[in-house]
Amino acid sequence: MPSASDGILSHWERQTAIMKTSNFSKRTSAMKTFALILAGGQASRMGGEDKGLALLGGKALIDHVIDRVRPQVSHIAISTNRNLEEYARRSPHIFPDARQWQHFGPLSALCTAANDLQLATADWLLVVPCDMPYLPDDLVARFETVSKRTPLCNAYYVETPITMHYNIMYIRPQILQSAIPYLFSGMKTLRSWLQQQRARSVRFEFDGHFADLNTQTEKGKVKPYRAVFARIGGIMLSEGISDGIFRGEMLQFAPFLPTQGNRIMFTGIVQGLGKLTAIHRPSEAFHTYVVELPQEAADNLQRGASVANNGCCLTITEIEGNRVSFDLMAETLAKTNLGLLKEGDCVNIERAARFGDEIGGHVMSGHIMATVPIVEIERDGFNRTVWFSLPHELKPYILTKGFVGLDGCSLTIGKVEDGRFNVHLIPETLERTLFGSRKVGDRINIEIDPNTQAIVDTVERLMAQRYAK
């Protein structure tokens, strides 16, 4: 077992010199955010070549990342284990992994950074890999906004409609020390370490910003490791092998791909009704709901598990028998009907689907786009036809006989008229869900079908490009 103090002295000496020579740029935010770019990996998919220095469009990958990150932070540090002089031209603050932490992936850099004097002075640390050249311009701003709404949280990571990006972090520098005993215990994954920190995800809708170049190299220039295809209506679409594919122009087709990585998925089949037994309001922008789950959804509960409440994906924070707690921030309270609930109200409940489960409805993410009011209810014997107002921005995605998620129920769209649409409900749906007690004026959470959205958005983009020529 390596010694935790092995090689620390020279590291501290390096940091003292760095702090004397480093200059800081000014940001308008009161928060002091530093960036740590991870360039110390072995790059096995590139034949061991230094990925950060591989060329894309005539410029090193790390230079693309720096260009994206520099306007958003006060200072940039680089973790690298080779070509130190090359990286020093880009930032005076570089460091290799300490000897005892080498070959443990990104956690090696975090453990070494835990003893970095300069990084410790930051309010927040943005951690990004060196192979994501298209990071969004508002990355830090989005993280900062969420952190202000959840002041007790010390770690965040990126979530997109496709997957979780645990290697893009926004963390308090103080928690870096916890990575050291974590590695000594034999644990090695970023995901588990972030879970230990009770990290929260921050949603970004466009996964193309976070495309990493898992690449091979040829004559120093990056080329795609694999192409991305999507099948729409029996027609195979593909992009040429170019920078465009990495800008995410085809990554929006991910709902069609057979593997969804760590993406949480629901099927739209409500398992029962949960009762809201308590609401804690430490602030207007942060509430904790305590929900008593139906017996059908109460087996094998774990903290951190995802449960759809009226179709909205929430994370279990506490468990007491059949009662579980969920934290809701301002965005959830404002954009969904969960913010309208009071103690004693009920919600539609569905646990996240597991591998091998039957998909009785359609694939749903649990991310609510808006709420729509019920404008009319028609009764025909035991059945009901419910009409909803149709927001203008969702109109392209609501198609006759298409799928839609309403309060977590996977339903088939009946008719679409100007400014409204309907669904037909059978007695089973009315009995097992809240729709049995819904009335005109009630607001319902809506999630459009991601496959429909991908098709519509892509066709519109391709047609616009064609007619622009």
Protein backbone atom coordinates (compact mmCIF):
# COMPACT_ATOMS: atom_id res chain seq x y z
CA MET A 1 0.00 0.00 0.00
CA PRO A 2 1.52 3.38 -0.94
CA SER A 3 2.13 6.01 1.70
CA ALA A 4 -0.30 8.95 1.67
CA SER A 5 2.59 11.35 2.28
CA ASP A 6 4.87 9.95 -0.43
CA GLY A 7 6.13 12.74 -2.70
CA ILE A 8 4.02 15.48 -1.08
CA LEU A 9 6.92 17.81 -0.18
CA SER A 10 8.00 18.47 -3.75
CA HIS A 11 4.36 18.95 -4.69
CA TRP A 12 3.88 21.66 -2.04
CA GLU A 13 7.06 23.36 -3.16
CA ARG A 14 5.76 23.47 -6.73
CA GLN A 15 2.49 25.02 -5.58
CA THR A 16 4.28 27.78 -3.65
CA ALA A 17 6.14 28.75 -6.81
CA ILE A 18 2.98 28.64 -8.88
CA MET A 19 1.07 30.90 -6.51
CA LYS A 20 3.84 33.51 -6.74
CA THR A 21 3.81 33.62 -10.53
CA SER A 22 0.22 32.98 -11.59
CA ASN A 23 -2.02 35.76 -12.89
CA PHE A 24 -5.80 35.75 -12.59
CA SER A 25 -8.29 37.12 -15.08
CA LYS A 26 -11.36 38.97 -13.83
CA ARG A 27 -14.87 37.61 -13.99
CA THR A 28 -18.05 39.49 -13.35
CA SER A 29 -19.41 36.78 -11.02
CA ALA A 30 -18.71 37.09 -7.30
CA MET A 31 -17.87 33.39 -7.28
CA LYS A 32 -14.23 32.49 -7.93
CA THR A 33 -14.28 29.47 -10.22
CA PHE A 34 -11.11 27.70 -11.35
CA ALA A 35 -10.89 25.06 -14.09
CA LEU A 36 -8.96 21.80 -13.92
CA ILE A 37 -8.42 20.20 -17.33
CA LEU A 38 -7.63 16.48 -17.20
CA ALA A 39 -4.93 15.58 -19.74
CA GLY A 40 -3.09 12.85 -17.87
CA GLY A 41 -4.83 9.76 -19.24
CA GLN A 42 -3.09 6.89 -20.99
CA ALA A 43 -5.13 7.38 -24.21
CA SER A 44 -5.13 3.66 -24.99
CA ARG A 45 -7.57 4.19 -27.89
CA MET A 46 -5.05 6.53 -29.48
CA GLY A 47 -2.22 4.03 -29.32
CA GLY A 48 -0.81 5.75 -26.24
CA GLU A 49 -0.35 9.12 -27.94
CA ASP A 50 -1.05 12.29 -25.97
CA LYS A 51 -4.73 12.96 -26.65
CA GLY A 52 -4.62 16.57 -25.47
CA LEU A 53 -2.08 17.44 -28.18
CA ALA A 54 -3.84 15.57 -31.00
CA LEU A 55 -4.98 17.95 -33.73
CA LEU A 56 -8.54 18.81 -34.66
CA GLY A 57 -8.91 21.39 -37.41
CA GLY A 58 -5.21 22.22 -37.13
CA LYS A 59 -5.43 22.95 -33.39
CA ALA A 60 -4.67 20.74 -30.38
CA LEU A 61 -7.71 19.33 -28.62
CA ILE A 62 -6.75 20.95 -25.34
CA ASP A 63 -6.61 24.35 -27.06
CA HIS A 64 -10.21 23.88 -28.15
CA VAL A 65 -11.14 23.11 -24.54
CA ILE A 66 -9.18 26.09 -23.20
CA ASP A 67 -10.88 28.41 -25.68
CA ARG A 68 -14.27 27.20 -24.46
CA VAL A 69 -13.44 27.34 -20.77
CA ARG A 70 -11.24 30.43 -20.43
CA PRO A 71 -14.05 33.06 -20.63
CA GLN A 72 -15.97 31.22 -17.92
CA VAL A 73 -13.33 30.87 -15.18
CA SER A 74 -10.73 32.88 -13.28
CA HIS A 75 -7.84 30.46 -13.68
CA ILE A 76 -6.93 27.26 -15.53
CA ALA A 77 -4.86 24.36 -14.20
CA ILE A 78 -3.85 21.31 -16.25
CA SER A 79 -3.23 17.80 -14.96
CA THR A 80 -0.81 15.97 -17.27
CA ASN A 81 1.83 13.27 -16.97
CA ARG A 82 3.92 13.97 -20.07
CA ASN A 83 4.91 16.74 -22.47
CA LEU A 84 5.00 19.11 -19.50
CA GLU A 85 6.75 21.86 -21.47
CA GLU A 86 4.04 21.83 -24.14
CA TYR A 87 1.29 22.19 -21.56
CA ALA A 88 3.24 24.83 -19.61
CA ARG A 89 2.95 27.06 -22.69
CA ARG A 90 -0.80 27.00 -22.16
CA SER A 91 -0.89 27.50 -18.38
CA PRO A 92 1.80 28.05 -15.73
CA HIS A 93 -0.26 25.87 -13.42
CA ILE A 94 0.39 22.28 -14.46
CA PHE A 95 1.03 19.21 -12.35
CA PRO A 96 1.49 15.47 -12.92
CA ASP A 97 -0.21 12.83 -10.81
CA ALA A 98 1.58 12.16 -7.54
CA ARG A 99 3.45 8.86 -7.71
CA GLN A 100 1.14 7.02 -5.33
CA TRP A 101 -1.94 7.98 -7.38
CA GLN A 102 -0.77 7.15 -10.89
CA HIS A 103 -2.82 4.94 -13.23
CA PHE A 104 -6.17 5.44 -11.45
CA GLY A 105 -7.74 7.57 -14.18
CA PRO A 106 -9.39 10.92 -13.37
CA LEU A 107 -9.31 10.14 -9.65
CA SER A 108 -5.51 10.29 -9.81
CA ALA A 109 -5.73 13.95 -10.74
CA LEU A 110 -8.34 14.66 -8.06
CA CYS A 111 -6.24 13.08 -5.32
CA THR A 112 -3.20 15.08 -6.41
CA ALA A 113 -5.28 18.25 -6.67
CA ALA A 114 -6.45 17.72 -3.09
CA ASN A 115 -3.01 18.97 -1.95
CA ASP A 116 -2.86 21.89 -4.38
CA LEU A 117 -2.62 25.19 -2.48
CA GLN A 118 -3.90 27.34 -5.31
CA LEU A 119 -6.94 25.25 -6.21
CA ALA A 120 -7.94 25.34 -2.54
CA THR A 121 -8.49 29.11 -2.78
CA ALA A 122 -11.32 28.76 -5.30
CA ASP A 123 -14.99 28.79 -4.40
CA TRP A 124 -15.73 26.21 -7.08
CA LEU A 125 -13.68 23.94 -9.32
CA LEU A 126 -14.81 23.07 -12.84
CA VAL A 127 -13.30 19.72 -13.87
CA VAL A 128 -13.35 18.84 -17.58
CA PRO A 129 -11.46 16.34 -19.80
CA CYS A 130 -9.11 17.51 -22.54
CA ASP A 131 -11.04 15.77 -25.34
CA MET A 132 -14.34 17.68 -25.33
CA PRO A 133 -13.78 20.50 -27.83
CA TYR A 134 -17.40 21.72 -28.00
CA LEU A 135 -18.23 22.50 -24.38
CA PRO A 136 -21.12 25.00 -24.03
CA ASP A 137 -20.40 28.67 -23.41
CA ASP A 138 -22.77 28.73 -20.43
CA LEU A 139 -21.41 25.64 -18.67
CA VAL A 140 -20.24 27.46 -15.53
CA ALA A 141 -23.25 29.79 -15.51
CA ARG A 142 -25.65 26.84 -15.51
CA PHE A 143 -23.75 25.08 -12.74
CA GLU A 144 -23.59 28.29 -10.71
CA THR A 145 -27.31 28.93 -11.04
CA VAL A 146 -28.19 25.47 -9.74
CA SER A 147 -25.62 25.68 -6.93
CA LYS A 148 -27.27 28.86 -5.63
CA ARG A 149 -30.61 27.06 -5.51
CA THR A 150 -29.16 24.08 -3.63
CA PRO A 151 -26.64 25.64 -1.22
CA LEU A 152 -26.06 22.45 0.77
CA CYS A 153 -24.78 20.52 -2.26
CA ASN A 154 -21.01 20.46 -2.88
CA ALA A 155 -20.82 18.57 -6.19
CA TYR A 156 -22.60 18.58 -9.54
CA TYR A 157 -22.18 16.78 -12.85
CA VAL A 158 -23.71 16.96 -16.34
CA GLU A 159 -26.81 15.06 -17.42
CA THR A 160 -28.08 15.03 -21.02
CA PRO A 161 -30.97 13.21 -22.72
CA ILE A 162 -28.46 10.52 -23.70
CA THR A 163 -26.37 9.83 -20.61
CA MET A 164 -24.65 11.12 -17.49
CA HIS A 165 -21.25 12.78 -17.90
CA TYR A 166 -19.59 12.16 -14.55
CA ASN A 167 -16.23 13.43 -15.83
CA ILE A 168 -17.59 16.97 -16.10
CA MET A 169 -17.85 18.22 -12.53
CA TYR A 170 -18.51 21.42 -10.65
CA ILE A 171 -17.28 20.82 -7.11
CA ARG A 172 -16.14 22.52 -3.95
CA PRO A 173 -12.33 22.10 -3.72
CA GLN A 174 -12.69 21.02 -0.08
CA ILE A 175 -14.27 17.70 -1.03
CA LEU A 176 -11.19 16.65 -3.03
CA GLN A 177 -9.65 15.31 0.18
CA SER A 178 -12.36 12.64 0.31
CA ALA A 179 -11.02 11.15 -2.94
CA ILE A 180 -7.88 9.96 -1.13
CA PRO A 181 -9.49 7.49 1.33
CA TYR A 182 -11.91 6.56 -1.46
CA LEU A 183 -9.01 5.35 -3.64
CA PHE A 184 -7.27 3.67 -0.69
CA SER A 185 -10.46 1.68 -0.04
CA GLY A 186 -10.14 0.12 -3.51
CA MET A 187 -12.90 2.14 -5.19
CA LYS A 188 -12.00 3.61 -8.59
CA THR A 189 -15.05 5.06 -10.35
CA LEU A 190 -16.03 8.73 -10.53
CA ARG A 191 -19.68 7.79 -10.41
CA SER A 192 -19.45 6.10 -7.01
CA TRP A 193 -17.30 8.89 -5.59
CA LEU A 194 -19.82 11.51 -6.72
CA GLN A 195 -22.62 9.45 -5.22
CA GLN A 196 -20.74 9.46 -1.91
CA GLN A 197 -20.69 13.26 -2.14
CA ARG A 198 -24.45 13.23 -2.83
CA ALA A 199 -23.76 15.04 -6.09
CA ARG A 200 -26.62 16.36 -8.18
CA SER A 201 -26.99 16.34 -11.94
CA VAL A 202 -27.49 19.51 -13.96
CA ARG A 203 -29.55 19.01 -17.10
CA PHE A 204 -28.27 20.09 -20.53
CA GLU A 205 -30.53 19.32 -23.49
CA PHE A 206 -27.88 19.06 -26.23
CA ASP A 207 -25.51 16.13 -25.80
CA GLY A 208 -23.38 17.23 -28.75
CA HIS A 209 -21.68 19.82 -26.54
CA PHE A 210 -20.23 16.95 -24.51
CA ALA A 211 -19.09 14.68 -27.32
CA ASP A 212 -15.69 13.27 -26.36
CA LEU A 213 -13.28 12.19 -29.06
CA ASN A 214 -12.58 8.57 -28.19
CA THR A 215 -10.34 8.46 -31.21
CA GLN A 216 -7.47 6.93 -33.05
CA THR A 217 -4.92 9.16 -34.72
CA GLU A 218 -3.44 9.25 -38.17
CA LYS A 219 -0.55 11.61 -38.90
CA GLY A 220 -1.40 13.65 -35.84
CA LYS A 221 -4.95 14.44 -36.87
CA VAL A 222 -8.02 13.20 -35.07
CA LYS A 223 -10.47 10.99 -36.92
CA PRO A 224 -13.69 9.44 -35.57
CA TYR A 225 -13.39 6.20 -33.64
CA ARG A 226 -16.86 5.23 -34.81
CA ALA A 227 -19.58 6.77 -36.96
CA VAL A 228 -23.08 7.44 -35.72
CA PHE A 229 -26.17 6.41 -37.66
CA ALA A 230 -29.88 6.68 -37.09
CA ARG A 231 -32.79 4.94 -38.76
CA ILE A 232 -35.93 6.98 -39.31
CA GLY A 233 -38.95 5.47 -41.01
CA GLY A 234 -36.78 2.76 -42.59
CA ILE A 235 -34.31 5.29 -44.06
CA MET A 236 -30.72 5.17 -42.87
CA LEU A 237 -29.23 8.61 -42.31
CA SER A 238 -25.55 9.25 -41.69
CA GLU A 239 -23.12 12.13 -41.43
CA GLY A 240 -19.81 12.33 -43.23
CA ILE A 241 -16.74 11.71 -41.10
CA SER A 242 -16.03 15.30 -40.17
CA ASP A 243 -16.03 17.72 -37.29
CA GLY A 244 -19.78 18.05 -37.73
CA ILE A 245 -20.49 14.64 -36.26
CA PHE A 246 -18.74 15.66 -33.06
CA ARG A 247 -20.68 18.88 -32.83
CA GLY A 248 -23.55 16.59 -31.99
CA GLU A 249 -25.45 17.07 -35.23
CA MET A 250 -26.24 13.35 -35.28
CA LEU A 251 -26.03 12.66 -31.56
CA GLN A 252 -29.61 13.83 -31.14
CA PHE A 253 -30.56 10.46 -32.65
CA ALA A 254 -29.54 8.70 -29.45
CA PRO A 255 -33.14 7.62 -28.60
CA PHE A 256 -32.88 5.20 -31.56
CA LEU A 257 -29.66 3.60 -30.37
CA PRO A 258 -29.94 0.29 -28.53
CA THR A 259 -27.69 1.27 -25.63
CA GLN A 260 -28.56 4.23 -23.42
CA GLY A 261 -25.59 4.08 -21.03
CA ASN A 262 -26.59 5.21 -17.54
CA ARG A 263 -29.72 6.99 -18.68
CA ILE A 264 -32.72 6.67 -16.35
CA MET A 265 -35.76 5.36 -18.22
CA PHE A 266 -39.47 5.05 -17.45
CA THR A 267 -42.12 3.22 -19.45
CA GLY A 268 -45.22 5.31 -18.75
CA ILE A 269 -47.06 2.52 -16.91
CA VAL A 270 -48.14 3.96 -13.55
CA GLN A 271 -47.72 1.47 -10.69
CA GLY A 272 -50.07 3.20 -8.28
CA LEU A 273 -50.78 6.38 -6.37
CA GLY A 274 -48.44 7.85 -3.77
CA LYS A 275 -49.72 10.11 -0.99
CA LEU A 276 -47.92 13.34 -0.11
CA THR A 277 -47.71 13.13 3.70
CA ALA A 278 -45.46 16.12 4.45
CA ILE A 279 -43.91 19.16 2.77
CA HIS A 280 -40.82 20.83 4.25
CA ARG A 281 -40.02 24.31 2.94
CA PRO A 282 -36.58 25.50 4.09
CA SER A 283 -36.87 28.19 1.39
CA GLU A 284 -39.18 29.25 -1.42
CA ALA A 285 -36.77 27.76 -3.95
CA PHE A 286 -36.20 24.41 -2.23
CA HIS A 287 -38.82 21.98 -0.89
CA THR A 288 -38.64 18.42 0.42
CA TYR A 289 -41.65 16.19 -0.21
CA VAL A 290 -42.36 13.07 1.84
CA VAL A 291 -44.40 10.57 -0.18
CA GLU A 292 -45.94 7.31 0.99
CA LEU A 293 -45.41 4.91 -1.91
CA PRO A 294 -47.93 2.27 -2.97
CA GLN A 295 -46.92 -1.26 -2.03
CA GLU A 296 -46.31 -2.14 -5.69
CA ALA A 297 -43.50 0.44 -5.86
CA ALA A 298 -41.97 0.01 -2.39
CA ASP A 299 -39.70 -3.02 -2.90
CA ASN A 300 -35.89 -2.74 -2.75
CA LEU A 301 -35.84 1.00 -2.16
CA GLN A 302 -32.44 2.69 -2.12
CA ARG A 303 -31.27 6.23 -1.54
CA GLY A 304 -30.35 7.75 -4.87
CA ALA A 305 -32.95 5.73 -6.79
CA SER A 306 -35.14 7.54 -9.32
CA VAL A 307 -38.93 7.58 -9.06
CA ALA A 308 -41.36 9.34 -11.40
CA ASN A 309 -43.88 11.51 -9.52
CA ASN A 310 -46.59 12.63 -11.97
CA GLY A 311 -44.02 11.82 -14.64
CA CYS A 312 -41.28 13.98 -13.11
CA CYS A 313 -38.06 12.11 -12.31
CA LEU A 314 -37.09 12.69 -8.66
CA THR A 315 -34.30 11.20 -6.56
CA ILE A 316 -34.91 9.46 -3.23
CA THR A 317 -32.95 11.22 -0.47
CA GLU A 318 -34.34 9.48 2.64
CA ILE A 319 -36.25 6.24 3.30
CA GLU A 320 -38.48 5.34 6.25
CA GLY A 321 -40.52 2.24 5.53
CA ASN A 322 -42.81 3.00 2.60
CA ARG A 323 -42.23 6.73 3.03
CA VAL A 324 -39.52 8.35 0.97
CA SER A 325 -38.26 11.93 0.66
CA PHE A 326 -37.58 13.86 -2.53
CA ASP A 327 -35.85 17.24 -2.89
CA LEU A 328 -37.43 19.69 -5.35
CA MET A 329 -35.65 22.84 -6.49
CA ALA A 330 -37.14 26.02 -7.95
CA GLU A 331 -37.08 24.82 -11.58
CA THR A 332 -39.11 21.71 -10.73
CA LEU A 333 -41.57 23.64 -8.57
CA ALA A 334 -42.12 26.22 -11.31
CA LYS A 335 -42.22 24.01 -14.42
CA THR A 336 -44.30 21.06 -13.15
CA ASN A 337 -47.57 20.60 -11.28
CA LEU A 338 -45.64 19.30 -8.26
CA GLY A 339 -45.34 22.91 -7.14
CA LEU A 340 -49.14 23.08 -6.86
CA LEU A 341 -49.48 20.14 -4.48
CA LYS A 342 -50.45 20.30 -0.81
CA GLU A 343 -50.26 17.73 1.97
CA GLY A 344 -52.72 14.90 1.42
CA ASP A 345 -52.62 15.13 -2.39
CA CYS A 346 -51.71 12.07 -4.45
CA VAL A 347 -49.26 11.58 -7.32
CA ASN A 348 -48.85 8.95 -10.04
CA ILE A 349 -45.86 6.75 -9.16
CA GLU A 350 -43.53 4.73 -11.40
CA ARG A 351 -40.16 3.29 -10.42
CA ALA A 352 -37.33 3.48 -12.97
CA ALA A 353 -37.30 0.59 -15.44
CA ARG A 354 -34.69 -2.14 -15.05
CA PHE A 355 -32.99 -4.17 -17.74
CA GLY A 356 -35.38 -6.84 -18.99
CA ASP A 357 -38.56 -5.06 -17.86
CA GLU A 358 -41.46 -4.99 -20.30
CA ILE A 359 -41.96 -1.60 -21.96
CA GLY A 360 -45.75 -1.49 -21.85
CA GLY A 361 -45.96 2.15 -22.87
CA HIS A 362 -43.08 4.05 -24.49
CA VAL A 363 -39.65 5.17 -23.36
CA MET A 364 -39.83 8.28 -21.17
CA SER A 365 -37.05 10.25 -19.47
CA GLY A 366 -39.01 11.87 -16.66
CA HIS A 367 -38.10 15.38 -17.81
CA ILE A 368 -41.20 17.56 -18.00
CA MET A 369 -41.44 20.13 -20.80
CA ALA A 370 -44.43 22.10 -19.48
CA THR A 371 -47.86 21.78 -17.91
CA VAL A 372 -51.05 21.81 -19.98
CA PRO A 373 -54.56 22.52 -18.65
CA ILE A 374 -57.54 20.23 -19.18
CA VAL A 375 -60.05 22.21 -21.26
CA GLU A 376 -62.82 19.62 -21.76
CA ILE A 377 -63.82 16.14 -20.56
CA GLU A 378 -66.20 13.99 -22.63
CA ARG A 379 -67.83 10.96 -20.97
CA ASP A 380 -68.97 7.97 -23.03
CA GLY A 381 -70.13 5.15 -20.80
CA PHE A 382 -67.11 3.92 -18.86
CA ASN A 383 -64.62 5.72 -21.10
CA ARG A 384 -63.49 9.33 -21.16
CA THR A 385 -61.99 11.62 -23.75
CA VAL A 386 -59.90 14.37 -22.23
CA TRP A 387 -58.95 17.51 -24.17
CA PHE A 388 -55.85 19.54 -23.34
CA SER A 389 -54.66 22.96 -24.43
CA LEU A 390 -51.68 22.69 -26.79
CA PRO A 391 -48.81 25.18 -26.28
CA HIS A 392 -47.51 26.65 -29.51
CA GLU A 393 -43.92 25.52 -28.85
CA LEU A 394 -45.01 21.87 -28.50
CA LYS A 395 -47.35 21.79 -31.51
CA PRO A 396 -44.79 20.25 -33.95
CA TYR A 397 -44.35 17.22 -31.65
CA ILE A 398 -48.02 16.39 -30.95
CA LEU A 399 -49.14 14.16 -33.82
CA THR A 400 -52.28 12.07 -34.29
CA LYS A 401 -51.68 8.50 -33.05
CA GLY A 402 -48.30 9.51 -31.66
CA PHE A 403 -47.11 9.01 -28.09
CA VAL A 404 -47.28 11.57 -25.30
CA GLY A 405 -46.52 11.41 -21.58
CA LEU A 406 -49.18 13.02 -19.35
CA ASP A 407 -48.61 12.99 -15.58
CA GLY A 408 -46.32 10.01 -16.19
CA CYS A 409 -48.88 8.00 -18.20
CA SER A 410 -47.91 6.78 -21.65
CA LEU A 411 -50.90 7.66 -23.82
CA THR A 412 -51.81 7.67 -27.51
CA ILE A 413 -52.87 10.98 -29.00
CA GLY A 414 -56.41 10.83 -30.43
CA LYS A 415 -57.10 14.04 -32.32
CA VAL A 416 -55.12 17.22 -32.81
CA GLU A 417 -57.05 20.41 -33.50
CA ASP A 418 -56.08 24.06 -33.56
CA GLY A 419 -54.65 24.79 -30.13
CA ARG A 420 -55.70 21.53 -28.46
CA PHE A 421 -55.44 17.72 -28.54
CA ASN A 422 -57.14 14.78 -26.84
CA VAL A 423 -56.49 11.31 -25.46
CA HIS A 424 -58.94 8.47 -24.81
CA LEU A 425 -58.89 6.83 -21.37
CA ILE A 426 -60.15 3.35 -20.51
CA PRO A 427 -61.52 2.38 -17.06
CA GLU A 428 -58.22 0.73 -16.03
CA THR A 429 -56.33 4.00 -16.57
CA LEU A 430 -59.02 5.99 -14.75
CA GLU A 431 -58.87 3.61 -11.78
CA ARG A 432 -55.08 3.30 -11.40
CA THR A 433 -54.10 6.93 -12.05
CA LEU A 434 -55.09 10.45 -11.09
CA PHE A 435 -57.08 10.83 -14.31
CA GLY A 436 -60.06 9.26 -12.55
CA SER A 437 -60.37 12.38 -10.39
CA ARG A 438 -59.09 15.07 -12.76
CA LYS A 439 -61.39 17.95 -13.71
CA VAL A 440 -61.42 20.84 -16.17
CA GLY A 441 -58.77 23.42 -15.27
CA ASP A 442 -56.34 20.96 -13.69
CA ARG A 443 -52.79 21.35 -14.99
CA ILE A 444 -51.07 18.17 -16.23
CA ASN A 445 -47.34 17.52 -16.69
CA ILE A 446 -46.45 16.82 -20.32
CA GLU A 447 -43.39 15.07 -21.77
CA ILE A 448 -43.21 14.76 -25.54
CA ASP A 449 -41.92 11.57 -27.14
CA PRO A 450 -38.12 11.93 -27.57
CA ASN A 451 -38.14 9.95 -30.81
CA THR A 452 -40.76 12.25 -32.30
CA GLN A 453 -38.74 15.28 -31.21
CA ALA A 454 -35.57 13.87 -32.76
CA ILE A 455 -37.29 13.20 -36.09
CA VAL A 456 -39.06 16.57 -36.29
CA ASP A 457 -36.04 18.64 -35.27
CA THR A 458 -33.68 16.76 -37.59
CA VAL A 459 -35.98 16.94 -40.62
CA GLU A 460 -36.52 20.67 -40.05
CA ARG A 461 -32.77 21.24 -39.80
CA LEU A 462 -31.94 19.19 -42.89
CA MET A 463 -34.68 20.86 -44.93
CA ALA A 464 -33.51 24.30 -43.83
CA GLN A 465 -29.96 23.44 -44.88
CA ARG A 466 -31.14 22.10 -48.24
CA TYR A 467 -33.22 25.16 -49.13
CA ALA A 468 -30.52 27.52 -47.89
CA LYS A 469 -28.16 26.27 -50.62
